[in-house]
Amino acid sequence: MTLNPVLPLWLLAAGGAALLGLCAWAAVRERGRRAQWAARLALVALVLAAAVRPGVPQQAAGTRTEADADVFFVVDTTASMVAEDWDGAHPRLDGVRRDAADLAARLPGARFSLIAFDSSAQARMPLTTDTAALRSALEVLGPELTFRSAGSSVAEAAEVLGERLERAREQRPDSSRYVYYLGDGEQTARGEPRTMAQAVGLVTGGAVLGYGTREGGRMRRTAGYGAAVPGSSAGAGQPSADAAPPYIEDPQTGTAALSRIDEDRLRAIAAQLHVPYAHRSAGQSLNTAVETPAVHPIAVSGPSAVDTRCEFFWLFLLPAFALLVAEAGVVGVRLRAVGRTSAGRAPRPAQRAGTPTGTAQPRRRT
């Protein structure tokens, strides 16, 4: 049993207690009308019970339609992804958010997962057909804290991606699995990055999308995850212009550090995954850069994606309505009685001023 009140519970409790107390006090005080006040007390109690909307949650079983595709977005969230060389002076993450959302819109019914990586990798969202959840996850996606940045590998997500792909194959072996890697290819960790070729047998298709320019872009310091960068159009936690954080400085020169795209590494990742590589820019249509995979609807048996509740508020409203009709009848009878009493009273004749009641007026002689 769950409750889904129409108003906050504290407000219903306060108002209900006041009304119930008033009805109980009136029933004790007016002995001749105890039955009527008891009925009013019951009416208030029934309305309060209906207002909290008791019910039992249910999940409809049956068959739903999904696409035979599992899509994995692997997003670089290192400090370099806030470099301001996307669409003028916007951070690269703006382009990542836009492209990932556009790709999801082109694959209706597919299941989507979001994996983000910087110095470590983690799945921000498991496989789901809920595109609204994906958009929300992308909106709050932010870079790592600048002071915690200690170097990152472009293939940091290889292990997490492999585990998620393997799990998806076990769940739906006949479905296609697409991987979209979105990053700038900057390798700041020591040594060569690990290979992502372990996922080759699990990947049907996808693409590696590169963000950034050869000229490079300046990077502002970031205060925490989920905070947008000044100039970002995402709007998630975006600070005001006068509170913009300073740019990251190059310790050797003392000037603003620049981040440049490394397309050679991005092409290497694309070759390992056996998917194409495309450099992204704000003025380029995604349709010309990435081919939309063909997906087919499949019937999936199991619980429906929409939860329902079996509510019982109407069980309280039926007797409450009966009491309300009875109360209206009682009030109507009393109003008619008052009207008859008022109509039966004859008006007294007007008296002259200064003449006592019952004193005869002397006849005037002519």
Protein backbone atom coordinates (compact mmCIF):
# COMPACT_ATOMS: atom_id res chain seq x y z
CA MET A 1 0.00 0.00 0.00
CA THR A 2 1.35 3.39 -1.00
CA LEU A 3 0.06 6.95 -0.70
CA ASN A 4 0.00 9.64 -3.36
CA PRO A 5 -1.61 12.64 -1.61
CA VAL A 6 -3.11 15.51 -3.60
CA LEU A 7 -1.53 17.96 -1.13
CA PRO A 8 1.49 17.71 1.17
CA LEU A 9 0.78 15.31 4.02
CA TRP A 10 1.57 17.91 6.67
CA LEU A 11 -1.01 20.26 5.18
CA LEU A 12 -3.67 17.53 5.01
CA ALA A 13 -2.88 16.47 8.58
CA ALA A 14 -3.12 20.02 9.94
CA GLY A 15 -6.31 20.90 8.10
CA GLY A 16 -7.91 17.53 8.81
CA ALA A 17 -7.13 17.70 12.51
CA ALA A 18 -8.69 21.16 12.75
CA LEU A 19 -11.89 20.11 10.96
CA LEU A 20 -12.23 16.85 12.88
CA GLY A 21 -11.70 18.66 16.17
CA LEU A 22 -14.34 21.26 15.28
CA CYS A 23 -16.90 18.59 14.39
CA ALA A 24 -16.21 16.60 17.57
CA TRP A 25 -16.47 19.72 19.76
CA ALA A 26 -19.77 20.72 18.12
CA ALA A 27 -21.19 17.20 18.55
CA VAL A 28 -20.51 17.33 22.29
CA ARG A 29 -21.74 20.89 22.73
CA GLU A 30 -24.97 20.67 20.72
CA ARG A 31 -26.70 17.62 22.14
CA GLY A 32 -29.81 18.06 20.04
CA ARG A 33 -27.80 17.85 16.80
CA ARG A 34 -25.25 15.19 17.68
CA ALA A 35 -26.29 12.91 14.83
CA GLN A 36 -25.82 15.67 12.27
CA TRP A 37 -22.39 16.64 13.59
CA ALA A 38 -21.36 12.98 13.76
CA ALA A 39 -22.27 12.66 10.07
CA ARG A 40 -20.20 15.75 9.29
CA LEU A 41 -17.26 14.30 11.21
CA ALA A 42 -17.53 11.09 9.16
CA LEU A 43 -17.71 13.15 5.96
CA VAL A 44 -14.47 14.98 6.81
CA ALA A 45 -12.73 11.70 7.68
CA LEU A 46 -13.78 10.10 4.39
CA VAL A 47 -12.64 13.09 2.31
CA LEU A 48 -9.27 13.08 4.09
CA ALA A 49 -8.87 9.36 3.42
CA ALA A 50 -9.60 9.93 -0.26
CA ALA A 51 -7.22 12.91 -0.42
CA VAL A 52 -4.18 10.80 0.54
CA ARG A 53 -4.98 8.54 -2.46
CA PRO A 54 -4.11 5.09 -1.14
CA GLY A 55 -3.24 2.49 -3.75
CA VAL A 56 -1.21 -0.56 -4.67
CA PRO A 57 1.59 -0.21 -7.27
CA GLN A 58 1.29 -2.54 -10.22
CA GLN A 59 3.47 -3.23 -13.21
CA ALA A 60 1.62 -4.25 -16.30
CA ALA A 61 2.92 -7.42 -17.86
CA GLY A 62 2.87 -8.00 -21.57
CA THR A 63 4.90 -7.31 -24.68
CA ARG A 64 6.58 -4.06 -25.68
CA THR A 65 8.44 -3.08 -28.83
CA GLU A 66 12.10 -2.07 -28.84
CA ALA A 67 14.78 -1.75 -31.49
CA ASP A 68 17.30 -4.56 -31.90
CA ALA A 69 20.21 -2.25 -31.04
CA ASP A 70 22.27 -1.48 -27.95
CA VAL A 71 24.14 1.83 -28.22
CA PHE A 72 27.10 2.74 -26.01
CA PHE A 73 28.32 6.34 -25.77
CA VAL A 74 31.91 6.50 -24.52
CA VAL A 75 32.58 10.13 -23.59
CA ASP A 76 35.89 11.77 -22.70
CA THR A 77 35.39 14.04 -19.66
CA THR A 78 39.01 14.98 -19.04
CA ALA A 79 39.97 18.60 -18.43
CA SER A 80 40.89 19.06 -22.09
CA MET A 81 37.23 18.59 -23.10
CA VAL A 82 36.46 22.06 -21.77
CA ALA A 83 38.87 23.62 -24.27
CA GLU A 84 37.05 26.51 -25.91
CA ASP A 85 37.41 25.72 -29.60
CA TRP A 86 33.95 24.38 -30.45
CA ASP A 87 31.68 26.68 -32.45
CA GLY A 88 33.89 29.66 -31.74
CA ALA A 89 34.66 29.82 -28.04
CA HIS A 90 32.41 27.12 -26.60
CA PRO A 91 33.76 24.04 -24.78
CA ARG A 92 34.09 20.77 -26.65
CA LEU A 93 31.62 19.10 -24.31
CA ASP A 94 28.90 21.22 -25.90
CA GLY A 95 29.49 19.43 -29.17
CA VAL A 96 29.58 16.05 -27.44
CA ARG A 97 26.23 16.67 -25.77
CA ARG A 98 24.61 17.80 -29.00
CA ASP A 99 25.93 14.94 -31.12
CA ALA A 100 25.08 12.23 -28.59
CA ALA A 101 21.52 13.55 -28.27
CA ASP A 102 21.17 13.71 -32.07
CA LEU A 103 22.43 10.15 -32.46
CA ALA A 104 19.94 8.91 -29.88
CA ALA A 105 17.10 10.69 -31.69
CA ARG A 106 18.04 8.86 -34.90
CA LEU A 107 17.73 5.45 -33.22
CA PRO A 108 14.25 5.31 -31.69
CA GLY A 109 13.55 2.27 -29.55
CA ALA A 110 17.21 1.40 -29.04
CA ARG A 111 18.78 0.89 -25.63
CA PHE A 112 21.39 3.47 -24.64
CA SER A 113 24.24 3.45 -22.15
CA LEU A 114 26.60 6.28 -21.17
CA ILE A 115 30.20 5.61 -20.12
CA ALA A 116 32.36 8.57 -19.07
CA PHE A 117 36.09 8.49 -18.45
CA ASP A 118 38.87 10.77 -17.25
CA SER A 119 41.50 9.36 -14.88
CA SER A 120 39.03 6.50 -14.33
CA ALA A 121 36.00 5.16 -16.18
CA GLN A 122 32.50 4.52 -14.95
CA ALA A 123 29.09 3.80 -16.41
CA ARG A 124 26.95 6.87 -15.79
CA MET A 125 23.81 5.21 -17.14
CA PRO A 126 23.00 1.53 -17.75
CA LEU A 127 21.27 0.32 -20.88
CA THR A 128 17.79 1.82 -21.09
CA THR A 129 15.27 2.91 -23.70
CA ASP A 130 14.54 6.05 -21.67
CA THR A 131 15.88 8.83 -23.90
CA ALA A 132 14.80 11.46 -21.36
CA ALA A 133 17.18 9.88 -18.83
CA LEU A 134 19.95 9.96 -21.43
CA ARG A 135 19.36 13.66 -22.14
CA SER A 136 19.45 14.41 -18.41
CA ALA A 137 22.69 12.45 -17.99
CA LEU A 138 24.24 14.37 -20.88
CA GLU A 139 23.11 17.73 -19.52
CA VAL A 140 24.82 17.19 -16.16
CA LEU A 141 27.90 15.62 -17.73
CA GLY A 142 30.87 17.70 -16.68
CA PRO A 143 34.66 17.51 -16.68
CA GLU A 144 36.84 16.21 -13.88
CA LEU A 145 38.11 18.51 -11.15
CA THR A 146 41.16 20.35 -12.35
CA PHE A 147 43.14 19.91 -9.13
CA ARG A 148 42.53 16.13 -9.26
CA SER A 149 43.64 15.77 -12.86
CA ALA A 150 46.72 13.57 -12.87
CA GLY A 151 46.83 12.38 -16.45
CA SER A 152 44.43 10.20 -18.37
CA SER A 153 44.49 7.59 -21.09
CA VAL A 154 42.38 7.75 -24.22
CA ALA A 155 41.56 4.06 -23.73
CA GLU A 156 40.71 4.31 -20.03
CA ALA A 157 37.17 3.04 -20.71
CA ALA A 158 38.29 -0.13 -22.51
CA GLU A 159 37.67 -2.48 -19.59
CA VAL A 160 34.32 -1.00 -18.56
CA LEU A 161 33.15 -0.95 -22.17
CA GLY A 162 34.15 -4.58 -22.68
CA GLU A 163 32.25 -5.67 -19.57
CA ARG A 164 29.11 -3.79 -20.63
CA LEU A 165 29.26 -5.16 -24.16
CA GLU A 166 29.64 -8.71 -22.90
CA ARG A 167 26.70 -8.29 -20.55
CA ALA A 168 24.55 -6.85 -23.34
CA ARG A 169 25.37 -9.82 -25.57
CA GLU A 170 24.32 -12.23 -22.83
CA GLN A 171 21.01 -10.41 -22.39
CA ARG A 172 20.18 -10.07 -26.09
CA PRO A 173 22.54 -12.14 -28.24
CA ASP A 174 20.68 -11.35 -31.47
CA SER A 175 20.81 -7.56 -31.06
CA SER A 176 23.36 -5.28 -32.69
CA ARG A 177 25.79 -3.33 -30.51
CA TYR A 178 27.08 0.10 -31.54
CA VAL A 179 29.87 2.08 -29.89
CA TYR A 180 30.27 5.84 -30.32
CA TYR A 181 33.51 7.19 -28.88
CA LEU A 182 33.47 10.98 -28.40
CA GLY A 183 36.72 12.69 -27.37
CA ASP A 184 39.75 14.74 -28.39
CA GLY A 185 42.41 12.01 -28.34
CA GLU A 186 44.73 13.79 -25.90
CA GLN A 187 46.88 11.27 -24.04
CA THR A 188 48.24 12.80 -20.81
CA ALA A 189 49.00 9.60 -18.90
CA ARG A 190 52.50 8.17 -19.10
CA GLY A 191 53.10 5.30 -21.48
CA GLU A 192 51.11 4.06 -24.41
CA PRO A 193 47.36 3.60 -24.00
CA ARG A 194 45.93 0.11 -23.76
CA THR A 195 44.20 -1.30 -26.77
CA MET A 196 40.46 -1.34 -27.25
CA ALA A 197 40.62 -4.22 -29.70
CA GLN A 198 39.22 -6.59 -27.04
CA ALA A 199 35.77 -5.25 -27.89
CA VAL A 200 36.02 -5.96 -31.62
CA GLY A 201 34.05 -9.20 -31.59
CA LEU A 202 31.26 -7.53 -29.60
CA VAL A 203 30.84 -4.38 -31.71
CA THR A 204 28.58 -4.27 -34.77
CA GLY A 205 29.35 -0.69 -35.72
CA GLY A 206 29.51 2.88 -34.54
CA ALA A 207 32.05 5.67 -34.96
CA VAL A 208 34.85 7.60 -33.30
CA LEU A 209 34.07 11.32 -33.23
CA GLY A 210 36.86 13.84 -32.66
CA TYR A 211 36.45 17.29 -31.09
CA GLY A 212 38.92 20.15 -31.06
CA THR A 213 41.23 21.98 -33.43
CA ARG A 214 44.90 21.85 -34.34
CA GLU A 215 45.28 25.45 -33.18
CA GLY A 216 43.99 24.42 -29.77
CA GLY A 217 41.75 26.04 -27.21
CA ARG A 218 42.14 27.46 -23.73
CA MET A 219 40.72 25.55 -20.76
CA ARG A 220 39.11 27.04 -17.69
CA ARG A 221 39.58 25.49 -14.29
CA THR A 222 36.67 23.31 -13.19
CA ALA A 223 35.30 23.14 -9.67
CA GLY A 224 33.43 19.84 -9.79
CA TYR A 225 31.45 17.29 -11.70
CA GLY A 226 28.19 18.41 -13.25
CA ALA A 227 29.20 22.10 -13.41
CA ALA A 228 29.03 23.59 -16.85
CA VAL A 229 31.81 25.75 -18.17
CA PRO A 230 31.40 29.47 -18.90
CA GLY A 231 30.20 29.82 -22.44
CA SER A 232 28.46 26.43 -22.37
CA SER A 233 24.95 26.27 -23.75
CA ALA A 234 24.08 23.26 -21.58
CA GLY A 235 23.13 25.46 -18.66
CA ALA A 236 23.77 22.85 -15.99
CA GLY A 237 25.24 24.77 -13.09
CA GLN A 238 26.65 27.44 -15.36
CA PRO A 239 28.26 30.27 -13.38
CA SER A 240 27.74 33.91 -14.24
CA ALA A 241 30.12 35.71 -16.55
CA ASP A 242 31.68 37.80 -13.77
CA ALA A 243 32.40 34.63 -11.78
CA ALA A 244 34.16 32.80 -14.62
CA PRO A 245 37.03 30.66 -13.31
CA PRO A 246 40.54 31.43 -14.55
CA TYR A 247 42.20 29.58 -17.40
CA ILE A 248 44.59 26.72 -16.73
CA GLU A 249 48.16 27.98 -17.07
CA ASP A 250 51.16 26.32 -18.63
CA PRO A 251 53.66 26.06 -15.73
CA GLN A 252 56.59 26.51 -18.10
CA THR A 253 55.42 29.69 -19.83
CA GLY A 254 52.93 31.11 -17.32
CA THR A 255 50.42 31.68 -20.13
CA ALA A 256 47.12 29.93 -20.76
CA ALA A 257 47.64 26.29 -21.65
CA LEU A 258 46.25 25.06 -24.97
CA SER A 259 44.65 21.71 -25.70
CA ARG A 260 44.91 20.36 -29.24
CA ILE A 261 43.09 17.46 -30.82
CA ASP A 262 45.17 14.33 -31.50
CA GLU A 263 43.52 12.81 -34.54
CA ASP A 264 46.19 10.14 -34.96
CA ARG A 265 45.21 8.55 -31.65
CA LEU A 266 41.53 8.86 -32.47
CA ARG A 267 42.09 7.12 -35.80
CA ALA A 268 43.98 4.39 -33.97
CA ILE A 269 41.02 3.83 -31.64
CA ALA A 270 38.68 3.72 -34.64
CA ALA A 271 40.91 1.11 -36.29
CA GLN A 272 40.92 -1.01 -33.11
CA LEU A 273 37.12 -0.93 -32.93
CA HIS A 274 36.75 -1.40 -36.71
CA VAL A 275 34.57 1.71 -37.00
CA PRO A 276 35.06 4.92 -39.03
CA TYR A 277 36.55 8.14 -37.67
CA ALA A 278 35.07 11.60 -38.26
CA HIS A 279 36.23 15.00 -37.10
CA ARG A 280 33.36 17.10 -35.81
CA SER A 281 32.76 20.82 -36.14
CA ALA A 282 29.73 22.91 -35.28
CA GLY A 283 28.97 23.81 -38.88
CA GLN A 284 29.01 20.22 -40.12
CA SER A 285 25.85 18.11 -40.18
CA LEU A 286 26.03 14.88 -38.24
CA ASN A 287 24.30 13.09 -41.13
CA THR A 288 27.30 13.68 -43.38
CA ALA A 289 29.77 12.53 -40.72
CA VAL A 290 28.09 9.41 -39.36
CA GLU A 291 25.97 6.85 -41.15
CA THR A 292 22.78 5.98 -39.31
CA PRO A 293 22.61 2.23 -38.68
CA ALA A 294 19.52 0.33 -39.72
CA VAL A 295 17.59 -0.98 -36.72
CA HIS A 296 14.54 -3.19 -36.64
CA PRO A 297 11.75 -3.40 -34.08
CA ILE A 298 11.56 -6.49 -31.90
CA ALA A 299 8.93 -7.66 -29.43
CA VAL A 300 10.23 -7.90 -25.88
CA SER A 301 8.17 -9.85 -23.36
CA GLY A 302 8.11 -8.89 -19.73
CA PRO A 303 6.85 -6.07 -17.55
CA SER A 304 5.79 -2.89 -19.23
CA ALA A 305 8.09 0.10 -19.03
CA VAL A 306 5.24 2.13 -17.47
CA ASP A 307 4.30 1.46 -13.87
CA THR A 308 0.67 1.84 -12.82
CA ARG A 309 -1.20 2.08 -9.51
CA CYS A 310 -4.49 0.56 -8.49
CA GLU A 311 -6.03 3.39 -6.45
CA PHE A 312 -8.79 3.09 -3.85
CA PHE A 313 -9.72 6.73 -3.21
CA TRP A 314 -13.11 6.21 -4.87
CA LEU A 315 -14.07 3.75 -2.12
CA PHE A 316 -14.06 6.68 0.32
CA LEU A 317 -15.70 9.15 -2.05
CA LEU A 318 -18.84 7.05 -2.56
CA PRO A 319 -20.03 7.17 1.11
CA ALA A 320 -18.75 10.75 1.36
CA PHE A 321 -21.01 11.70 -1.55
CA ALA A 322 -23.98 9.99 0.15
CA LEU A 323 -23.34 11.93 3.38
CA LEU A 324 -23.01 15.15 1.39
CA VAL A 325 -26.38 14.56 -0.29
CA ALA A 326 -27.97 13.86 3.10
CA GLU A 327 -26.45 17.05 4.53
CA ALA A 328 -27.80 19.04 1.59
CA GLY A 329 -31.25 17.54 2.20
CA VAL A 330 -31.22 18.49 5.89
CA VAL A 331 -30.15 22.03 5.08
CA GLY A 332 -32.87 22.29 2.43
CA VAL A 333 -35.58 21.15 4.86
CA ARG A 334 -34.46 23.72 7.44
CA LEU A 335 -34.44 26.53 4.91
CA ARG A 336 -37.99 25.71 3.82
CA ALA A 337 -39.11 25.59 7.48
CA VAL A 338 -37.59 28.99 8.12
CA GLY A 339 -39.35 30.35 5.05
CA ARG A 340 -42.77 29.05 6.15
CA THR A 341 -42.31 30.50 9.65
CA SER A 342 -41.43 33.91 8.27
CA ALA A 343 -44.41 33.90 5.90
CA GLY A 344 -46.88 32.95 8.70
CA ARG A 345 -46.15 35.97 10.85
CA ALA A 346 -48.80 38.77 10.23
CA PRO A 347 -47.50 42.34 10.38
CA ARG A 348 -48.97 44.55 13.15
CA PRO A 349 -50.92 47.74 12.16
CA ALA A 350 -48.98 50.93 12.28
CA GLN A 351 -49.53 53.09 15.37
CA ARG A 352 -49.61 56.84 15.58
CA ALA A 353 -46.80 58.42 17.39
CA GLY A 354 -47.54 59.28 21.01
CA THR A 355 -50.65 57.06 21.23
CA PRO A 356 -50.46 54.29 23.81
CA THR A 357 -51.40 50.83 22.74
CA GLY A 358 -55.04 49.95 23.40
CA THR A 359 -56.17 53.61 23.96
CA ALA A 360 -59.16 54.65 21.84
CA GLN A 361 -58.86 57.80 19.80
CA PRO A 362 -61.46 60.50 20.66
CA ARG A 363 -63.88 61.29 17.85
CA ARG A 364 -63.61 64.77 16.50
CA ARG A 365 -66.85 66.78 16.53
CA THR A 366 -67.97 68.42 13.38
